[in-house]
C-alpha atoms as a PDB file:
ATOM      1  CA  MET A   1      99.609   8.228 148.122  1.00  0.00           C
ATOM      2  CA  ALA A   2      96.075   7.638 149.026  1.00  0.00           C
ATOM      3  CA  ILE A   3      94.011  10.502 146.759  1.00  0.00           C
ATOM      4  CA  SER A   4      90.798  12.119 148.264  1.00  0.00           C
ATOM      5  CA  HIS A   5      88.462  12.657 146.415  1.00  0.00           C
ATOM      6  CA  GLU A   6      86.486  14.672 148.445  1.00  0.00           C
ATOM      7  CA  ARG A   7      87.542  18.364 147.488  1.00  0.00           C
ATOM      8  CA  ARG A   8      86.687  17.299 143.853  1.00  0.00           C
ATOM      9  CA  ARG A   9      82.868  16.683 145.512  1.00  0.00           C
ATOM     10  CA  ALA A  10      83.199  20.280 147.096  1.00  0.00           C
ATOM     11  CA  LEU A  11      84.613  22.206 144.222  1.00  0.00           C
ATOM     12  CA  ARG A  12      81.992  20.303 142.003  1.00  0.00           C
ATOM     13  CA  LEU A  13      79.150  21.374 144.179  1.00  0.00           C
ATOM     14  CA  GLY A  14      80.896  25.212 143.794  1.00  0.00           C
ATOM     15  CA  LEU A  15      80.736  25.407 147.727  1.00  0.00           C
ATOM     16  CA  GLY A  16      83.828  27.756 147.655  1.00  0.00           C
ATOM     17  CA  VAL A  17      84.400  28.452 151.737  1.00  0.00           C
ATOM     18  CA  ALA A  18      83.327  25.805 153.552  1.00  0.00           C
ATOM     19  CA  ALA A  19      81.109  27.647 156.534  1.00  0.00           C
ATOM     20  CA  ALA A  20      79.654  26.100 159.627  1.00  0.00           C
ATOM     21  CA  GLY A  21      76.322  25.805 160.365  1.00  0.00           C
ATOM     22  CA  ALA A  22      75.282  26.227 156.743  1.00  0.00           C
ATOM     23  CA  THR A  23      72.284  24.129 154.914  1.00  0.00           C
ATOM     24  CA  PHE A  24      71.220  22.958 152.008  1.00  0.00           C
ATOM     25  CA  ALA A  25      68.080  25.340 150.563  1.00  0.00           C
ATOM     26  CA  ASN A  26      67.139  22.445 147.872  1.00  0.00           C
ATOM     27  CA  PRO A  27      67.775  18.666 148.074  1.00  0.00           C
ATOM     28  CA  PRO A  28      70.142  16.842 145.706  1.00  0.00           C
ATOM     29  CA  THR A  29      68.706  15.078 142.899  1.00  0.00           C
ATOM     30  CA  ALA A  30      67.926  11.400 143.167  1.00  0.00           C
ATOM     31  CA  ALA A  31      70.663  10.805 140.687  1.00  0.00           C
ATOM     32  CA  TRP A  32      73.077  12.796 142.617  1.00  0.00           C
ATOM     33  CA  ALA A  33      72.637  11.421 145.922  1.00  0.00           C
ATOM     34  CA  ALA A  34      72.936   7.947 144.488  1.00  0.00           C
ATOM     35  CA  ALA A  35      76.173   8.563 143.125  1.00  0.00           C
ATOM     36  CA  TRP A  36      77.930  11.122 145.954  1.00  0.00           C
ATOM     37  CA  GLY A  37      75.774  10.648 148.567  1.00  0.00           C
ATOM     38  CA  GLU A  38      74.477  13.136 150.976  1.00  0.00           C
ATOM     39  CA  PRO A  39      76.267  16.345 150.447  1.00  0.00           C
ATOM     40  CA  SER A  40      78.270  17.837 153.268  1.00  0.00           C
ATOM     41  CA  LEU A  41      80.348  20.969 154.019  1.00  0.00           C
ATOM     42  CA  ALA A  42      82.581  19.070 156.636  1.00  0.00           C
ATOM     43  CA  PRO A  43      84.803  16.072 155.260  1.00  0.00           C
ATOM     44  CA  SER A  44      84.356  12.805 155.929  1.00  0.00           C
ATOM     45  CA  GLY A  45      86.183  12.274 159.482  1.00  0.00           C
ATOM     46  CA  ALA A  46      85.133  15.235 160.701  1.00  0.00           C
ATOM     47  CA  THR A  47      82.662  14.246 163.555  1.00  0.00           C
ATOM     48  CA  ALA A  48      83.793  17.142 166.278  1.00  0.00           C
ATOM     49  CA  LEU A  49      82.965  19.770 163.187  1.00  0.00           C
ATOM     50  CA  ARG A  50      79.879  18.067 162.413  1.00  0.00           C
ATOM     51  CA  ASP A  51      78.628  18.174 166.526  1.00  0.00           C
ATOM     52  CA  LEU A  52      79.258  21.590 166.087  1.00  0.00           C
ATOM     53  CA  MET A  53      77.418  22.357 163.245  1.00  0.00           C
ATOM     54  CA  GLN A  54      74.581  20.435 164.277  1.00  0.00           C
ATOM     55  CA  ARG A  55      74.917  22.321 167.972  1.00  0.00           C
ATOM     56  CA  LEU A  56      75.090  25.693 165.744  1.00  0.00           C
ATOM     57  CA  GLU A  57      71.951  25.012 163.895  1.00  0.00           C
ATOM     58  CA  ARG A  58      70.348  24.410 167.421  1.00  0.00           C
ATOM     59  CA  ALA A  59      71.061  27.680 168.896  1.00  0.00           C
ATOM     60  CA  PRO A  60      68.945  30.613 169.311  1.00  0.00           C
ATOM     61  CA  ARG A  61      69.499  33.000 166.836  1.00  0.00           C
ATOM     62  CA  ARG A  62      68.022  36.978 167.452  1.00  0.00           C
ATOM     63  CA  ARG A  63      67.671  39.143 164.160  1.00  0.00           C
ATOM     64  CA  ASP A  64      64.811  41.453 165.336  1.00  0.00           C
ATOM     65  CA  PHE A  65      67.266  44.538 167.018  1.00  0.00           C
ATOM     66  CA  GLU A  66      65.534  47.929 166.497  1.00  0.00           C
ATOM     67  CA  THR A  67      69.074  49.513 167.987  1.00  0.00           C
ATOM     68  CA  VAL A  68      72.215  48.506 169.295  1.00  0.00           C
ATOM     69  CA  PRO A  69      74.187  50.311 171.805  1.00  0.00           C
ATOM     70  CA  MET A  70      77.802  51.139 170.225  1.00  0.00           C
ATOM     71  CA  ILE A  71      79.430  48.681 172.789  1.00  0.00           C
ATOM     72  CA  LEU A  72      77.525  45.637 173.200  1.00  0.00           C
ATOM     73  CA  ASN A  73      78.024  44.589 177.091  1.00  0.00           C
ATOM     74  CA  ALA A  74      75.573  42.191 177.602  1.00  0.00           C
ATOM     75  CA  PRO A  75      75.273  38.739 176.358  1.00  0.00           C
ATOM     76  CA  ASP A  76      71.524  39.296 175.338  1.00  0.00           C
ATOM     77  CA  GLN A  77      73.083  41.719 172.816  1.00  0.00           C
ATOM     78  CA  TRP A  78      74.326  39.076 170.431  1.00  0.00           C
ATOM     79  CA  ASP A  79      74.149  35.461 169.676  1.00  0.00           C
ATOM     80  CA  SER A  80      75.926  34.253 172.692  1.00  0.00           C
ATOM     81  CA  GLU A  81      74.868  30.676 172.847  1.00  0.00           C
ATOM     82  CA  ALA A  82      76.048  30.307 169.097  1.00  0.00           C
ATOM     83  CA  LEU A  83      79.256  32.261 169.945  1.00  0.00           C
ATOM     84  CA  ASN A  84      79.913  30.369 173.401  1.00  0.00           C
ATOM     85  CA  GLU A  85      79.482  27.077 170.888  1.00  0.00           C
ATOM     86  CA  VAL A  86      82.430  28.247 168.828  1.00  0.00           C
ATOM     87  CA  LEU A  87      84.601  29.249 171.933  1.00  0.00           C
ATOM     88  CA  ALA A  88      84.069  25.672 173.145  1.00  0.00           C
ATOM     89  CA  TYR A  89      85.113  23.624 170.208  1.00  0.00           C
ATOM     90  CA  LYS A  90      87.599  21.011 171.792  1.00  0.00           C
ATOM     91  CA  PRO A  91      89.785  20.448 168.472  1.00  0.00           C
ATOM     92  CA  VAL A  92      92.944  22.090 168.843  1.00  0.00           C
ATOM     93  CA  THR A  93      93.180  23.019 164.966  1.00  0.00           C
ATOM     94  CA  LYS A  94      91.449  26.096 164.700  1.00  0.00           C
ATOM     95  CA  GLN A  95      92.391  29.779 163.528  1.00  0.00           C
ATOM     96  CA  VAL A  96      90.543  33.125 163.995  1.00  0.00           C
ATOM     97  CA  TRP A  97      91.246  36.103 161.504  1.00  0.00           C
ATOM     98  CA  ASP A  98      90.921  39.667 161.969  1.00  0.00           C
ATOM     99  CA  ASN A  99      89.489  40.836 158.786  1.00  0.00           C
ATOM    100  CA  THR A 100      89.360  44.704 158.033  1.00  0.00           C
ATOM    101  CA  ASP A 101      89.899  45.618 154.498  1.00  0.00           C
ATOM    102  CA  ILE A 102      87.569  44.460 151.783  1.00  0.00           C
ATOM    103  CA  GLY A 103      90.127  44.972 148.913  1.00  0.00           C
ATOM    104  CA  GLY A 104      92.430  42.527 150.792  1.00  0.00           C
ATOM    105  CA  PRO A 105      93.337  38.828 149.944  1.00  0.00           C
ATOM    106  CA  TRP A 106      91.529  37.484 153.341  1.00  0.00           C
ATOM    107  CA  LEU A 107      89.146  35.632 151.793  1.00  0.00           C
ATOM    108  CA  ASN A 108      91.421  33.627 149.505  1.00  0.00           C
ATOM    109  CA  LEU A 109      94.208  33.297 152.220  1.00  0.00           C
ATOM    110  CA  MET A 110      91.422  31.462 154.979  1.00  0.00           C
ATOM    111  CA  ARG A 111      90.632  29.103 152.026  1.00  0.00           C
ATOM    112  CA  ASN A 112      94.108  28.262 151.620  1.00  0.00           C
ATOM    113  CA  VAL A 113      94.712  27.380 154.858  1.00  0.00           C
ATOM    114  CA  LEU A 114      91.237  25.503 155.295  1.00  0.00           C
ATOM    115  CA  ASN A 115      92.397  23.593 152.000  1.00  0.00           C
ATOM    116  CA  THR A 116      96.185  22.866 153.800  1.00  0.00           C
ATOM    117  CA  GLN A 117      94.882  22.148 157.058  1.00  0.00           C
ATOM    118  CA  VAL A 118      91.591  19.886 156.038  1.00  0.00           C
ATOM    119  CA  TRP A 119      93.412  18.414 152.852  1.00  0.00           C
ATOM    120  CA  GLY A 120      97.246  18.388 152.845  1.00  0.00           C
ATOM    121  CA  PHE A 121      97.673  17.987 157.334  1.00  0.00           C
ATOM    122  CA  GLY A 122      94.682  15.713 157.467  1.00  0.00           C
ATOM    123  CA  HIS A 123      92.851  17.722 160.017  1.00  0.00           C
ATOM    124  CA  PRO A 124      89.465  16.958 159.276  1.00  0.00           C
ATOM    125  CA  ASP A 125      87.894  18.614 162.041  1.00  0.00           C
ATOM    126  CA  PHE A 126      89.648  21.912 161.496  1.00  0.00           C
ATOM    127  CA  LEU A 127      87.498  25.088 162.220  1.00  0.00           C
ATOM    128  CA  ILE A 128      88.452  28.454 160.678  1.00  0.00           C
ATOM    129  CA  ALA A 129      86.233  31.720 161.687  1.00  0.00           C
ATOM    130  CA  SER A 130      86.595  35.399 160.975  1.00  0.00           C
ATOM    131  CA  ALA A 131      86.155  38.189 162.971  1.00  0.00           C
ATOM    132  CA  THR A 132      85.221  40.984 160.169  1.00  0.00           C
ATOM    133  CA  ARG A 133      84.996  44.387 160.356  1.00  0.00           C
ATOM    134  CA  GLY A 134      86.187  47.405 159.067  1.00  0.00           C
ATOM    135  CA  THR A 135      85.243  47.503 155.181  1.00  0.00           C
ATOM    136  CA  ALA A 136      85.633  44.126 155.136  1.00  0.00           C
ATOM    137  CA  HIS A 137      82.180  43.625 156.667  1.00  0.00           C
ATOM    138  CA  LEU A 138      80.679  44.778 153.340  1.00  0.00           C
ATOM    139  CA  ALA A 139      81.754  41.576 151.912  1.00  0.00           C
ATOM    140  CA  LEU A 140      79.176  39.794 154.090  1.00  0.00           C
ATOM    141  CA  TYR A 141      76.273  41.691 152.750  1.00  0.00           C
ATOM    142  CA  ASP A 142      74.249  39.520 149.533  1.00  0.00           C
ATOM    143  CA  ALA A 143      73.789  41.722 146.235  1.00  0.00           C
ATOM    144  CA  ALA A 144      70.462  42.246 147.258  1.00  0.00           C
ATOM    145  CA  ILE A 145      71.867  45.003 150.527  1.00  0.00           C
ATOM    146  CA  TRP A 146      74.448  46.120 148.133  1.00  0.00           C
ATOM    147  CA  ASP A 147      71.867  46.979 145.185  1.00  0.00           C
ATOM    148  CA  LYS A 148      69.371  48.763 147.955  1.00  0.00           C
ATOM    149  CA  TYR A 149      71.859  50.629 149.629  1.00  0.00           C
ATOM    150  CA  GLN A 150      74.319  51.046 146.890  1.00  0.00           C
ATOM    151  CA  ILE A 151      77.011  50.486 148.537  1.00  0.00           C
ATOM    152  CA  GLY A 152      79.260  50.125 145.326  1.00  0.00           C
ATOM    153  CA  LYS A 153      78.468  53.663 145.148  1.00  0.00           C
ATOM    154  CA  LEU A 154      79.210  54.945 148.360  1.00  0.00           C
ATOM    155  CA  ARG A 155      82.636  54.156 148.190  1.00  0.00           C
ATOM    156  CA  SER A 156      85.292  53.252 145.462  1.00  0.00           C
ATOM    157  CA  PHE A 157      88.314  51.235 146.340  1.00  0.00           C
ATOM    158  CA  CYS A 158      91.734  51.326 144.316  1.00  0.00           C
ATOM    159  CA  PRO A 159      92.085  47.370 143.040  1.00  0.00           C
ATOM    160  CA  CYS A 160      95.328  47.592 144.018  1.00  0.00           C
ATOM    161  CA  CYS A 161      95.359  48.437 147.922  1.00  0.00           C
ATOM    162  CA  SER A 162      91.953  49.688 148.926  1.00  0.00           C
ATOM    163  CA  ALA A 163      92.662  52.879 148.918  1.00  0.00           C
ATOM    164  CA  SER A 164      89.210  55.390 148.889  1.00  0.00           C
ATOM    165  CA  ALA A 165      88.795  57.136 145.432  1.00  0.00           C
ATOM    166  CA  SER A 166      88.861  60.457 147.346  1.00  0.00           C
ATOM    167  CA  ARG A 167      92.411  60.290 148.193  1.00  0.00           C
ATOM    168  CA  SER A 168      93.990  61.936 144.883  1.00  0.00           C
ATOM    169  CA  ALA A 169      95.944  58.785 144.472  1.00  0.00           C
ATOM    170  CA  CYS A 170      97.061  55.520 146.322  1.00  0.00           C
ATOM    171  CA  SER A 171     100.755  55.162 146.830  1.00  0.00           C
ATOM    172  CA  ARG A 172     101.396  52.204 144.363  1.00  0.00           C
ATOM    173  CA  ALA A 173      99.845  53.649 141.439  1.00  0.00           C
ATOM    174  CA  SER A 174     100.977  57.052 142.083  1.00  0.00           C
ATOM    175  CA  SER A 175     104.906  55.432 142.272  1.00  0.00           C
ATOM    176  CA  ALA A 176     104.152  53.561 139.050  1.00  0.00           C
ATOM    177  CA  SER A 177     103.363  56.135 136.995  1.00  0.00           C
ATOM    178  CA  ALA A 178     106.026  58.113 137.835  1.00  0.00           C
ATOM    179  CA  ALA A 179     108.329  55.298 137.418  1.00  0.00           C
ATOM    180  CA  ALA A 180     106.982  55.093 133.784  1.00  0.00           C
ATOM    181  CA  SER A 181     107.825  58.800 132.977  1.00  0.00           C
END
């Protein structure tokens, strides 16, 4: 059995979950580059994925929205060029997840699927995407936004089921305390 060290390299870099189109802010040191080569989020052999990443880098982005309607109904209201590139992706090994709950295990599940497809089944061009909405969209904001708008104080979530703290108690916690007494 051939052992691939690509995953270990990604873990050493602390990449976690690979995201198409991501770029590195700082170039690697000369010693690192000599030892490992140029860093990449795509595994070796992922030619279609690398092509998609390049097309996504070139696709225009619009972030100057003053307001947006509740229902988007025209391509100029979102990044339609980038979305069209993702939708036109040719390899058949791809998945889209519908993630709605910030307290759910979706990020770990997506990472496990990604690792299984790429490293277990040998699909280096596997593409995974998330249609993130509901409370899960809060996970897409960085720490500066969480701090600025104090998102953590707006709503507390039960660690076992993500129930709102405004409820008297979540069903699992209630049943556990009843069973203990």
